[in-house]
Each structure stands twice: as C-alpha cells, then as structure tokens.
Amino acid sequence: MGNVADILTRYGSGRDACIKILQEIQAAHGYLPVEVLQEVEKQTRISLTQMYGVATFYAQFSFTPRGRHIVRPCRGTACHVRGAKRIVGSLQNHLAVADGGTTKDLKFSFETVACLGTCFLSPVMMVDDRFYGNLSPEKARRILDACE
C-alpha cells in the first residue's frame, strides 16, 4: 500500500487536495486501490463518496489495474477516413484486448478516443504521452512490439 502519510504531507488533508492525492495514488499504483482510498478517508476529511465522485468525473482515474502503457488510437473523422477502423481492429487482435480493456500481462491498456487533435498525422495514436502518425496496421503493431 502506498505511503499515504507522505502524500498528505505534500498536499494536506483537505478536500481541495483530493485530485492531487488521487493522482499521486494512481501514479504509485497504476490505479486507485480501494484499501488505499480507505486509508486516505481515515486520515483526512475526504469521504470515499467524495473521492469516488471525483475519480468517476475525470477519465484519467481507474479503479482497476491498468497497463504500464496506455494505447489510445484515434477514431475521429480524419483518422476514420484514413483507415483507423483497420488499425483499431488490428491492434485489438494483436493485443487480445477489447476497447477499454487491459492485457492479461498488464503491459497495455487500450482505449480508443474521439479525437487527439492531430488530424494532420492521421491515422494517429498515442502510446503513453507520445504521438505516432501516418499509421498502417503493421506500423502500429511494430510500435507496440517495441515498447518495453
């Protein structure tokens, strides 16, 4: 279990620190483990209900373990026109994972997005914080195969 005391030392125990606390927990664990949230509740004035409300509002938070790498292929209009559907299908088959899922080895989480705002690179995907464009199904698979 992460060191909740260290996190609270940095951000305090007030409700205004809730997002920062949740971000730190997720960074340490890859998701928001309920036992860690229960510890935060014990040591702060933030209820589990409040933390759940914040965590479900923001897409960055997860209550289930996520992969070490987050794969986000774009399915926006420009990408769709240039073959995003083939790329998404190819990656899902390659990883054996559905949209919104995580591979069994916890290496990848896969989540399609409506738009990455980089239409000039279409079709495009992000892996973690890096953009990859002008993709083909083969190129997209090679990118994932190169991930450590």
N, C-alpha and C. Protein backbone atom coordinates (compact mmCIF):
# COMPACT_ATOMS: atom_id res chain seq x y z
N MET A 1 0.86 -1.18 0.00
CA MET A 1 0.00 0.00 0.00
C MET A 1 0.89 1.23 0.00
N GLY A 2 0.57 2.23 -0.83
CA GLY A 2 1.37 3.44 -0.93
C GLY A 2 1.45 4.18 0.39
N ASN A 3 2.41 5.04 0.49
CA ASN A 3 2.59 5.78 1.72
C ASN A 3 1.68 7.00 1.72
N VAL A 4 0.51 6.83 2.29
CA VAL A 4 -0.50 7.88 2.33
C VAL A 4 0.00 9.07 3.14
N ALA A 5 0.73 8.81 4.21
CA ALA A 5 1.24 9.89 5.06
C ALA A 5 2.14 10.84 4.26
N ASP A 6 3.01 10.29 3.40
CA ASP A 6 3.88 11.13 2.58
C ASP A 6 3.07 12.00 1.62
N ILE A 7 2.06 11.40 1.02
CA ILE A 7 1.21 12.15 0.09
C ILE A 7 0.51 13.28 0.82
N LEU A 8 -0.02 12.99 2.00
CA LEU A 8 -0.74 14.02 2.75
C LEU A 8 0.20 15.11 3.26
N THR A 9 1.44 14.78 3.50
CA THR A 9 2.43 15.78 3.88
C THR A 9 2.62 16.79 2.75
N ARG A 10 2.63 16.29 1.52
CA ARG A 10 2.82 17.16 0.36
C ARG A 10 1.58 17.99 0.02
N TYR A 11 0.40 17.42 0.17
CA TYR A 11 -0.81 18.08 -0.32
C TYR A 11 -1.83 18.46 0.75
N GLY A 12 -1.63 18.03 1.96
CA GLY A 12 -2.59 18.33 3.02
C GLY A 12 -3.72 17.33 3.04
N SER A 13 -4.63 17.54 3.96
CA SER A 13 -5.71 16.57 4.13
C SER A 13 -7.08 17.16 3.84
N GLY A 14 -7.12 18.36 3.28
CA GLY A 14 -8.40 18.99 2.97
C GLY A 14 -8.98 18.51 1.66
N ARG A 15 -10.26 18.74 1.50
CA ARG A 15 -10.95 18.29 0.28
C ARG A 15 -10.40 18.94 -0.98
N ASP A 16 -9.83 20.15 -0.85
CA ASP A 16 -9.27 20.83 -2.02
C ASP A 16 -8.05 20.10 -2.59
N ALA A 17 -7.47 19.19 -1.84
CA ALA A 17 -6.31 18.42 -2.29
C ALA A 17 -6.70 17.08 -2.90
N CYS A 18 -7.97 16.79 -2.99
CA CYS A 18 -8.44 15.47 -3.41
C CYS A 18 -7.86 15.03 -4.75
N ILE A 19 -7.91 15.88 -5.75
CA ILE A 19 -7.42 15.49 -7.08
C ILE A 19 -5.94 15.16 -7.04
N LYS A 20 -5.16 16.01 -6.39
CA LYS A 20 -3.71 15.76 -6.30
C LYS A 20 -3.42 14.45 -5.56
N ILE A 21 -4.17 14.19 -4.49
CA ILE A 21 -3.98 12.95 -3.73
C ILE A 21 -4.29 11.74 -4.62
N LEU A 22 -5.42 11.80 -5.34
CA LEU A 22 -5.79 10.69 -6.22
C LEU A 22 -4.77 10.50 -7.33
N GLN A 23 -4.25 11.60 -7.89
CA GLN A 23 -3.23 11.49 -8.94
C GLN A 23 -1.97 10.80 -8.41
N GLU A 24 -1.56 11.15 -7.20
CA GLU A 24 -0.36 10.52 -6.61
C GLU A 24 -0.59 9.03 -6.37
N ILE A 25 -1.76 8.69 -5.86
CA ILE A 25 -2.07 7.28 -5.61
C ILE A 25 -2.05 6.51 -6.92
N GLN A 26 -2.68 7.07 -7.94
CA GLN A 26 -2.72 6.38 -9.23
C GLN A 26 -1.32 6.27 -9.82
N ALA A 27 -0.50 7.30 -9.69
CA ALA A 27 0.87 7.24 -10.20
C ALA A 27 1.67 6.14 -9.51
N ALA A 28 1.43 5.96 -8.23
CA ALA A 28 2.17 4.95 -7.46
C ALA A 28 1.70 3.53 -7.74
N HIS A 29 0.39 3.36 -7.96
CA HIS A 29 -0.19 2.02 -8.07
C HIS A 29 -0.67 1.66 -9.47
N GLY A 30 -0.82 2.65 -10.33
CA GLY A 30 -1.36 2.40 -11.66
C GLY A 30 -2.88 2.43 -11.70
N TYR A 31 -3.50 2.53 -10.56
CA TYR A 31 -4.95 2.63 -10.41
C TYR A 31 -5.25 3.09 -8.98
N LEU A 32 -6.52 3.15 -8.60
CA LEU A 32 -6.91 3.60 -7.26
C LEU A 32 -7.39 2.40 -6.44
N PRO A 33 -6.48 1.75 -5.71
CA PRO A 33 -6.89 0.60 -4.89
C PRO A 33 -7.80 1.05 -3.75
N VAL A 34 -8.88 0.33 -3.53
CA VAL A 34 -9.87 0.72 -2.52
C VAL A 34 -9.25 0.76 -1.13
N GLU A 35 -8.31 -0.14 -0.82
CA GLU A 35 -7.71 -0.14 0.51
C GLU A 35 -6.89 1.13 0.76
N VAL A 36 -6.27 1.67 -0.28
CA VAL A 36 -5.53 2.93 -0.14
C VAL A 36 -6.51 4.09 0.04
N LEU A 37 -7.59 4.09 -0.71
CA LEU A 37 -8.61 5.13 -0.55
C LEU A 37 -9.22 5.10 0.84
N GLN A 38 -9.41 3.91 1.38
CA GLN A 38 -9.94 3.80 2.75
C GLN A 38 -8.97 4.40 3.76
N GLU A 39 -7.68 4.22 3.51
CA GLU A 39 -6.66 4.82 4.39
C GLU A 39 -6.70 6.34 4.28
N VAL A 40 -6.85 6.87 3.06
CA VAL A 40 -6.98 8.32 2.89
C VAL A 40 -8.19 8.83 3.65
N GLU A 41 -9.29 8.11 3.55
CA GLU A 41 -10.51 8.52 4.26
C GLU A 41 -10.26 8.60 5.77
N LYS A 42 -9.54 7.64 6.32
CA LYS A 42 -9.25 7.61 7.75
C LYS A 42 -8.40 8.81 8.19
N GLN A 43 -7.49 9.25 7.31
CA GLN A 43 -6.53 10.27 7.69
C GLN A 43 -6.91 11.68 7.23
N THR A 44 -8.03 11.81 6.54
CA THR A 44 -8.42 13.13 6.02
C THR A 44 -9.90 13.39 6.29
N ARG A 45 -10.35 14.53 5.80
CA ARG A 45 -11.77 14.88 5.85
C ARG A 45 -12.44 14.58 4.51
N ILE A 46 -11.83 13.70 3.72
CA ILE A 46 -12.36 13.35 2.41
C ILE A 46 -13.02 11.97 2.50
N SER A 47 -14.31 11.92 2.22
CA SER A 47 -15.01 10.64 2.30
C SER A 47 -14.77 9.81 1.04
N LEU A 48 -15.01 8.51 1.16
CA LEU A 48 -14.91 7.63 -0.01
C LEU A 48 -15.88 8.09 -1.09
N THR A 49 -17.05 8.54 -0.70
CA THR A 49 -18.04 9.02 -1.66
C THR A 49 -17.51 10.22 -2.44
N GLN A 50 -16.84 11.14 -1.75
CA GLN A 50 -16.27 12.31 -2.42
C GLN A 50 -15.15 11.89 -3.37
N MET A 51 -14.29 10.99 -2.91
CA MET A 51 -13.19 10.54 -3.78
C MET A 51 -13.75 9.81 -5.00
N TYR A 52 -14.77 8.98 -4.80
CA TYR A 52 -15.39 8.27 -5.91
C TYR A 52 -16.01 9.26 -6.90
N GLY A 53 -16.67 10.30 -6.39
CA GLY A 53 -17.26 11.32 -7.25
C GLY A 53 -16.22 12.01 -8.13
N VAL A 54 -15.10 12.35 -7.54
CA VAL A 54 -14.02 13.00 -8.30
C VAL A 54 -13.43 12.01 -9.31
N ALA A 55 -13.15 10.80 -8.85
CA ALA A 55 -12.48 9.82 -9.71
C ALA A 55 -13.35 9.38 -10.88
N THR A 56 -14.66 9.36 -10.71
CA THR A 56 -15.52 8.96 -11.83
C THR A 56 -15.80 10.12 -12.77
N PHE A 57 -15.60 11.34 -12.32
CA PHE A 57 -15.79 12.51 -13.19
C PHE A 57 -14.65 12.65 -14.19
N TYR A 58 -13.43 12.38 -13.75
CA TYR A 58 -12.25 12.55 -14.60
C TYR A 58 -11.82 11.21 -15.20
N ALA A 59 -11.67 11.18 -16.52
CA ALA A 59 -11.33 9.94 -17.23
C ALA A 59 -9.93 9.42 -16.90
N GLN A 60 -9.07 10.24 -16.32
CA GLN A 60 -7.71 9.81 -16.03
C GLN A 60 -7.63 8.77 -14.92
N PHE A 61 -8.69 8.64 -14.13
CA PHE A 61 -8.65 7.74 -12.98
C PHE A 61 -9.27 6.38 -13.31
N SER A 62 -8.74 5.35 -12.66
CA SER A 62 -9.23 3.99 -12.87
C SER A 62 -9.28 3.27 -11.52
N PHE A 63 -10.31 2.45 -11.35
CA PHE A 63 -10.43 1.64 -10.14
C PHE A 63 -9.94 0.21 -10.37
N THR A 64 -9.50 -0.07 -11.57
CA THR A 64 -8.95 -1.39 -11.88
C THR A 64 -7.52 -1.22 -12.38
N PRO A 65 -6.70 -2.24 -12.18
CA PRO A 65 -5.31 -2.12 -12.64
C PRO A 65 -5.23 -1.81 -14.12
N ARG A 66 -4.31 -0.93 -14.46
CA ARG A 66 -4.11 -0.53 -15.85
C ARG A 66 -2.73 -0.98 -16.29
N GLY A 67 -2.56 -1.02 -17.59
CA GLY A 67 -1.29 -1.44 -18.16
C GLY A 67 -0.20 -0.40 -17.95
N ARG A 68 1.03 -0.85 -18.08
CA ARG A 68 2.17 0.06 -17.98
C ARG A 68 2.16 1.08 -19.11
N HIS A 69 1.57 0.71 -20.24
CA HIS A 69 1.47 1.61 -21.39
C HIS A 69 0.00 1.79 -21.74
N ILE A 70 -0.39 3.03 -22.00
CA ILE A 70 -1.76 3.34 -22.39
C ILE A 70 -1.75 3.61 -23.90
N VAL A 71 -2.50 2.81 -24.63
CA VAL A 71 -2.59 2.92 -26.09
C VAL A 71 -3.92 3.58 -26.42
N ARG A 72 -3.85 4.73 -27.12
CA ARG A 72 -5.06 5.49 -27.46
C ARG A 72 -5.12 5.76 -28.96
N PRO A 73 -5.68 4.84 -29.72
CA PRO A 73 -5.86 5.13 -31.15
C PRO A 73 -7.03 6.09 -31.35
N CYS A 74 -6.87 7.00 -32.29
CA CYS A 74 -7.91 7.98 -32.59
C CYS A 74 -8.94 7.37 -33.53
N ARG A 75 -10.21 7.67 -33.29
CA ARG A 75 -11.28 7.24 -34.17
C ARG A 75 -12.07 8.44 -34.71
N GLY A 76 -11.42 9.62 -34.67
CA GLY A 76 -12.05 10.84 -35.20
C GLY A 76 -12.24 10.77 -36.70
N THR A 77 -12.90 11.77 -37.25
CA THR A 77 -13.27 11.76 -38.65
C THR A 77 -12.08 11.60 -39.59
N ALA A 78 -11.05 12.42 -39.43
CA ALA A 78 -9.89 12.33 -40.33
C ALA A 78 -9.23 10.97 -40.22
N CYS A 79 -9.09 10.46 -39.01
CA CYS A 79 -8.48 9.14 -38.84
C CYS A 79 -9.38 8.04 -39.39
N HIS A 80 -10.67 8.18 -39.18
CA HIS A 80 -11.63 7.19 -39.70
C HIS A 80 -11.52 7.09 -41.22
N VAL A 81 -11.50 8.24 -41.88
CA VAL A 81 -11.42 8.27 -43.34
C VAL A 81 -10.14 7.61 -43.83
N ARG A 82 -9.08 7.69 -43.04
CA ARG A 82 -7.79 7.16 -43.46
C ARG A 82 -7.48 5.78 -42.87
N GLY A 83 -8.49 5.07 -42.39
CA GLY A 83 -8.29 3.67 -42.02
C GLY A 83 -8.16 3.35 -40.55
N ALA A 84 -8.61 4.23 -39.67
CA ALA A 84 -8.48 3.97 -38.23
C ALA A 84 -9.16 2.67 -37.81
N LYS A 85 -10.28 2.35 -38.43
CA LYS A 85 -11.01 1.14 -38.05
C LYS A 85 -10.14 -0.10 -38.25
N ARG A 86 -9.39 -0.16 -39.34
CA ARG A 86 -8.48 -1.28 -39.59
C ARG A 86 -7.36 -1.33 -38.55
N ILE A 87 -6.86 -0.17 -38.19
CA ILE A 87 -5.78 -0.09 -37.21
C ILE A 87 -6.28 -0.54 -35.84
N VAL A 88 -7.43 -0.04 -35.44
CA VAL A 88 -8.01 -0.42 -34.14
C VAL A 88 -8.23 -1.93 -34.10
N GLY A 89 -8.84 -2.48 -35.13
CA GLY A 89 -9.09 -3.92 -35.17
C GLY A 89 -7.81 -4.73 -35.13
N SER A 90 -6.82 -4.28 -35.86
CA SER A 90 -5.53 -4.97 -35.90
C SER A 90 -4.87 -4.97 -34.52
N LEU A 91 -4.89 -3.81 -33.85
CA LEU A 91 -4.28 -3.72 -32.52
C LEU A 91 -5.03 -4.55 -31.50
N GLN A 92 -6.36 -4.53 -31.58
CA GLN A 92 -7.14 -5.32 -30.63
C GLN A 92 -6.84 -6.81 -30.81
N ASN A 93 -6.73 -7.27 -32.05
CA ASN A 93 -6.37 -8.67 -32.29
C ASN A 93 -4.96 -8.97 -31.82
N HIS A 94 -4.04 -8.06 -32.10
CA HIS A 94 -2.64 -8.24 -31.73
C HIS A 94 -2.46 -8.33 -30.22
N LEU A 95 -3.19 -7.49 -29.49
CA LEU A 95 -3.08 -7.45 -28.03
C LEU A 95 -4.06 -8.39 -27.33
N ALA A 96 -5.04 -8.88 -28.07
CA ALA A 96 -6.11 -9.71 -27.48
C ALA A 96 -6.82 -8.95 -26.37
N VAL A 97 -7.28 -7.74 -26.71
CA VAL A 97 -7.94 -6.89 -25.71
C VAL A 97 -9.06 -6.11 -26.38
N ALA A 98 -10.12 -5.86 -25.63
CA ALA A 98 -11.24 -5.07 -26.13
C ALA A 98 -11.02 -3.60 -25.78
N ASP A 99 -11.77 -2.73 -26.42
CA ASP A 99 -11.69 -1.30 -26.11
C ASP A 99 -12.03 -1.10 -24.63
N GLY A 100 -11.18 -0.36 -23.95
CA GLY A 100 -11.36 -0.11 -22.51
C GLY A 100 -10.72 -1.17 -21.64
N GLY A 101 -10.08 -2.16 -22.26
CA GLY A 101 -9.50 -3.27 -21.51
C GLY A 101 -8.01 -3.16 -21.32
N THR A 102 -7.50 -4.09 -20.55
CA THR A 102 -6.07 -4.18 -20.24
C THR A 102 -5.61 -5.60 -20.55
N THR A 103 -4.43 -5.72 -21.12
CA THR A 103 -3.91 -7.05 -21.44
C THR A 103 -3.66 -7.84 -20.16
N LYS A 104 -3.70 -9.15 -20.28
CA LYS A 104 -3.55 -10.03 -19.11
C LYS A 104 -2.22 -9.82 -18.40
N ASP A 105 -1.18 -9.47 -19.17
CA ASP A 105 0.14 -9.26 -18.57
C ASP A 105 0.32 -7.85 -18.00
N LEU A 106 -0.75 -7.04 -18.05
CA LEU A 106 -0.75 -5.65 -17.56
C LEU A 106 0.28 -4.77 -18.27
N LYS A 107 0.62 -5.13 -19.50
CA LYS A 107 1.56 -4.30 -20.25
C LYS A 107 0.84 -3.15 -20.94
N PHE A 108 -0.37 -3.39 -21.48
CA PHE A 108 -1.09 -2.36 -22.22
C PHE A 108 -2.53 -2.22 -21.74
N SER A 109 -2.98 -0.98 -21.67
CA SER A 109 -4.40 -0.67 -21.58
C SER A 109 -4.76 -0.02 -22.91
N PHE A 110 -5.95 -0.35 -23.43
CA PHE A 110 -6.34 0.06 -24.78
C PHE A 110 -7.64 0.84 -24.69
N GLU A 111 -7.61 2.08 -25.15
CA GLU A 111 -8.82 2.90 -25.11
C GLU A 111 -8.87 3.82 -26.31
N THR A 112 -9.84 3.60 -27.19
CA THR A 112 -9.98 4.48 -28.34
C THR A 112 -10.47 5.84 -27.85
N VAL A 113 -10.10 6.87 -28.60
CA VAL A 113 -10.51 8.23 -28.25
C VAL A 113 -11.17 8.89 -29.45
N ALA A 114 -12.05 9.85 -29.17
CA ALA A 114 -12.81 10.51 -30.23
C ALA A 114 -11.92 11.39 -31.10
N CYS A 115 -10.92 12.03 -30.53
CA CYS A 115 -10.03 12.88 -31.32
C CYS A 115 -8.79 13.21 -30.50
N LEU A 116 -7.64 13.15 -31.14
CA LEU A 116 -6.39 13.54 -30.49
C LEU A 116 -5.93 14.92 -30.93
N GLY A 117 -6.67 15.53 -31.86
CA GLY A 117 -6.34 16.88 -32.29
C GLY A 117 -5.10 16.97 -33.16
N THR A 118 -4.71 15.88 -33.75
CA THR A 118 -3.54 15.86 -34.62
C THR A 118 -3.93 15.28 -35.97
N CYS A 119 -4.97 15.84 -36.55
CA CYS A 119 -5.54 15.30 -37.80
C CYS A 119 -4.52 15.27 -38.93
N PHE A 120 -3.56 16.16 -38.92
CA PHE A 120 -2.55 16.19 -39.98
C PHE A 120 -1.67 14.94 -39.95
N LEU A 121 -1.70 14.17 -38.85
CA LEU A 121 -0.93 12.93 -38.73
C LEU A 121 -1.79 11.69 -38.99
N SER A 122 -3.05 11.89 -39.34
CA SER A 122 -3.99 10.77 -39.38
C SER A 122 -3.57 9.68 -40.36
N PRO A 123 -3.86 8.45 -40.00
CA PRO A 123 -4.41 7.99 -38.72
C PRO A 123 -3.32 8.01 -37.64
N VAL A 124 -3.74 8.32 -36.42
CA VAL A 124 -2.80 8.58 -35.34
C VAL A 124 -3.21 7.82 -34.08
N MET A 125 -2.21 7.56 -33.24
CA MET A 125 -2.47 7.01 -31.92
C MET A 125 -1.45 7.59 -30.96
N MET A 126 -1.80 7.54 -29.70
CA MET A 126 -0.85 7.90 -28.64
C MET A 126 -0.50 6.62 -27.89
N VAL A 127 0.75 6.50 -27.52
CA VAL A 127 1.18 5.48 -26.59
C VAL A 127 1.83 6.25 -25.46
N ASP A 128 1.21 6.16 -24.30
CA ASP A 128 1.59 6.98 -23.15
C ASP A 128 1.45 8.45 -23.55
N ASP A 129 2.51 9.22 -23.56
CA ASP A 129 2.42 10.64 -23.91
C ASP A 129 3.01 10.95 -25.29
N ARG A 130 3.21 9.95 -26.10
CA ARG A 130 3.85 10.15 -27.40
C ARG A 130 2.88 9.87 -28.55
N PHE A 131 2.89 10.75 -29.54
CA PHE A 131 2.04 10.61 -30.72
C PHE A 131 2.76 9.82 -31.81
N TYR A 132 2.00 8.98 -32.51
CA TYR A 132 2.51 8.24 -33.67
C TYR A 132 1.51 8.44 -34.79
N GLY A 133 1.97 8.89 -35.93
CA GLY A 133 1.06 9.20 -37.02
C GLY A 133 1.37 8.49 -38.31
N ASN A 134 0.49 8.76 -39.29
CA ASN A 134 0.59 8.16 -40.62
C ASN A 134 0.69 6.63 -40.49
N LEU A 135 -0.19 6.08 -39.66
CA LEU A 135 -0.12 4.67 -39.31
C LEU A 135 -0.73 3.76 -40.36
N SER A 136 -0.22 2.58 -40.38
CA SER A 136 -0.84 1.44 -41.05
C SER A 136 -1.01 0.41 -39.93
N PRO A 137 -1.81 -0.63 -40.15
CA PRO A 137 -1.91 -1.65 -39.10
C PRO A 137 -0.55 -2.25 -38.74
N GLU A 138 0.28 -2.49 -39.74
CA GLU A 138 1.60 -3.08 -39.49
C GLU A 138 2.49 -2.13 -38.68
N LYS A 139 2.51 -0.86 -39.05
CA LYS A 139 3.33 0.12 -38.34
C LYS A 139 2.87 0.25 -36.89
N ALA A 140 1.57 0.27 -36.66
CA ALA A 140 1.04 0.39 -35.30
C ALA A 140 1.45 -0.81 -34.45
N ARG A 141 1.39 -2.01 -35.02
CA ARG A 141 1.80 -3.22 -34.27
C ARG A 141 3.29 -3.17 -33.95
N ARG A 142 4.10 -2.72 -34.90
CA ARG A 142 5.56 -2.63 -34.66
C ARG A 142 5.86 -1.66 -33.52
N ILE A 143 5.12 -0.56 -33.46
CA ILE A 143 5.32 0.43 -32.39
C ILE A 143 5.07 -0.23 -31.04
N LEU A 144 3.97 -0.98 -30.93
CA LEU A 144 3.67 -1.63 -29.66
C LEU A 144 4.68 -2.74 -29.34
N ASP A 145 5.12 -3.45 -30.35
CA ASP A 145 6.11 -4.51 -30.12
C ASP A 145 7.43 -3.93 -29.59
N ALA A 146 7.71 -2.68 -29.89
CA ALA A 146 8.95 -2.04 -29.44
C ALA A 146 8.85 -1.51 -28.00
N CYS A 147 7.67 -1.50 -27.44
CA CYS A 147 7.51 -0.99 -26.06
C CYS A 147 8.11 -1.98 -25.07
N GLU A 148 8.83 -1.45 -24.13
CA GLU A 148 9.44 -2.28 -23.07
C GLU A 148 8.41 -2.69 -22.06
